[in-house]
Amino acid sequence: MTSSADLADSIPRAVRSNYGPRPHLFAPGVSITSARRSDDTGRVTFSGTSTAASQAAGTAAVFLSGHPKASPAPAAKALAGGVASGRVSGGAPGSPNKILRLPRR
């Protein structure tokens, strides 16, 4: 299991983001465009840790599409191994300084 916190503009930690030792990494979670549920072509923008979590889940899905027999543990390891370290600004003490990146296939 991987937990994530949200970022503003992909680098600074969002003000309302989770922080401390619990998140494993940061993921984009501010002003993320999504499909609107009311019609087939509408769009809506969301922000928050739940949006960052969906980015992490989508990244794991990309990994699993290339490794369909992998269990969750290798997917979590691929996410953790593919982060960009040392690029989070505004992090709190104990927070990871890791940004989610799409793992190599």
Protein backbone atom coordinates (compact mmCIF):
# COMPACT_ATOMS: atom_id res chain seq x y z
CA MET A 1 0.00 0.00 0.00
CA THR A 2 1.27 3.45 -0.90
CA SER A 3 -0.13 6.64 0.55
CA SER A 4 0.26 10.01 -1.11
CA ALA A 5 0.02 13.70 -0.33
CA ASP A 6 -0.91 16.41 -2.79
CA LEU A 7 1.26 19.01 -4.49
CA ALA A 8 0.52 22.41 -5.98
CA ASP A 9 2.06 22.86 -9.43
CA SER A 10 3.90 19.54 -9.13
CA ILE A 11 6.62 20.79 -6.75
CA PRO A 12 5.48 22.79 -3.67
CA ARG A 13 3.50 20.88 -1.06
CA ALA A 14 -0.13 22.03 -1.07
CA VAL A 15 -1.11 23.94 2.06
CA ARG A 16 -3.82 21.46 3.09
CA SER A 17 -1.79 18.38 2.17
CA ASN A 18 -1.01 15.48 4.45
CA TYR A 19 2.49 15.65 5.87
CA GLY A 20 4.80 13.91 8.30
CA PRO A 21 5.96 10.29 8.20
CA ARG A 22 2.69 8.70 6.99
CA PRO A 23 2.69 9.66 3.27
CA HIS A 24 5.14 7.61 1.22
CA LEU A 25 5.37 10.14 -1.59
CA PHE A 26 3.81 13.29 -3.03
CA ALA A 27 1.69 13.28 -6.19
CA PRO A 28 -0.06 15.96 -8.25
CA GLY A 29 -3.29 16.84 -6.48
CA VAL A 30 -4.08 20.50 -7.21
CA SER A 31 -6.27 21.64 -10.12
CA ILE A 32 -6.54 18.20 -11.72
CA THR A 33 -8.96 18.12 -14.66
CA SER A 34 -11.38 15.21 -14.66
CA ALA A 35 -14.46 14.08 -16.56
CA ARG A 36 -17.76 15.41 -15.32
CA ARG A 37 -20.27 12.73 -14.39
CA SER A 38 -23.29 14.61 -15.73
CA ASP A 39 -22.38 14.28 -19.43
CA ASP A 40 -19.95 12.65 -21.84
CA THR A 41 -17.88 15.73 -22.71
CA GLY A 42 -17.89 17.90 -19.59
CA ARG A 43 -14.87 18.59 -17.44
CA VAL A 44 -14.42 19.57 -13.83
CA THR A 45 -11.35 20.48 -11.77
CA PHE A 46 -10.60 18.87 -8.41
CA SER A 47 -7.92 19.38 -5.75
CA GLY A 48 -6.99 17.44 -2.64
CA THR A 49 -5.37 14.33 -1.28
CA SER A 50 -8.03 12.13 -2.85
CA THR A 51 -7.00 13.51 -6.23
CA ALA A 52 -3.35 12.79 -5.45
CA ALA A 53 -4.32 9.26 -4.41
CA SER A 54 -6.03 8.69 -7.76
CA GLN A 55 -2.84 9.82 -9.53
CA ALA A 56 -0.88 7.22 -7.53
CA ALA A 57 -3.49 4.55 -8.31
CA GLY A 58 -3.38 5.41 -12.01
CA THR A 59 0.39 5.21 -12.03
CA ALA A 60 0.19 1.77 -10.37
CA ALA A 61 -2.32 0.73 -13.04
CA VAL A 62 0.12 1.73 -15.78
CA PHE A 63 2.80 -0.40 -14.13
CA LEU A 64 0.40 -3.33 -13.77
CA SER A 65 -0.64 -3.07 -17.44
CA GLY A 66 2.94 -3.94 -18.34
CA HIS A 67 3.21 -6.54 -15.59
CA PRO A 68 -0.24 -8.17 -15.46
CA LYS A 69 0.81 -11.01 -13.14
CA ALA A 70 2.44 -8.72 -10.56
CA SER A 71 1.00 -8.55 -7.07
CA PRO A 72 0.47 -5.21 -5.28
CA ALA A 73 3.89 -5.37 -3.56
CA PRO A 74 5.92 -5.06 -6.81
CA ALA A 75 3.64 -2.23 -7.95
CA ALA A 76 4.25 -0.32 -4.71
CA LYS A 77 7.99 -0.99 -5.05
CA ALA A 78 7.95 0.34 -8.64
CA LEU A 79 6.19 3.52 -7.52
CA ALA A 80 8.61 4.00 -4.63
CA GLY A 81 11.62 3.28 -6.84
CA GLY A 82 10.55 5.65 -9.58
CA VAL A 83 10.15 8.82 -7.53
CA ALA A 84 12.08 12.03 -8.04
CA SER A 85 13.78 12.78 -4.73
CA GLY A 86 14.75 16.14 -3.28
CA ARG A 87 12.25 18.22 -5.26
CA VAL A 88 9.42 18.93 -2.78
CA SER A 89 9.41 22.42 -1.30
CA GLY A 90 7.42 23.40 1.76
CA GLY A 91 7.53 19.90 3.23
CA ALA A 92 7.12 19.44 6.95
CA PRO A 93 9.69 17.65 9.14
CA GLY A 94 9.43 13.92 8.65
CA SER A 95 7.65 14.23 5.29
CA PRO A 96 9.08 12.37 2.31
CA ASN A 97 10.85 14.52 -0.24
CA LYS A 98 9.70 12.32 -3.12
CA ILE A 99 7.50 13.12 -6.13
CA LEU A 100 5.58 10.42 -8.00
CA ARG A 101 6.79 9.67 -11.52
CA LEU A 102 5.46 7.20 -14.04
CA PRO A 103 7.50 3.98 -13.64
CA ARG A 104 9.42 2.55 -16.56
CA ARG A 105 7.71 -0.40 -18.16
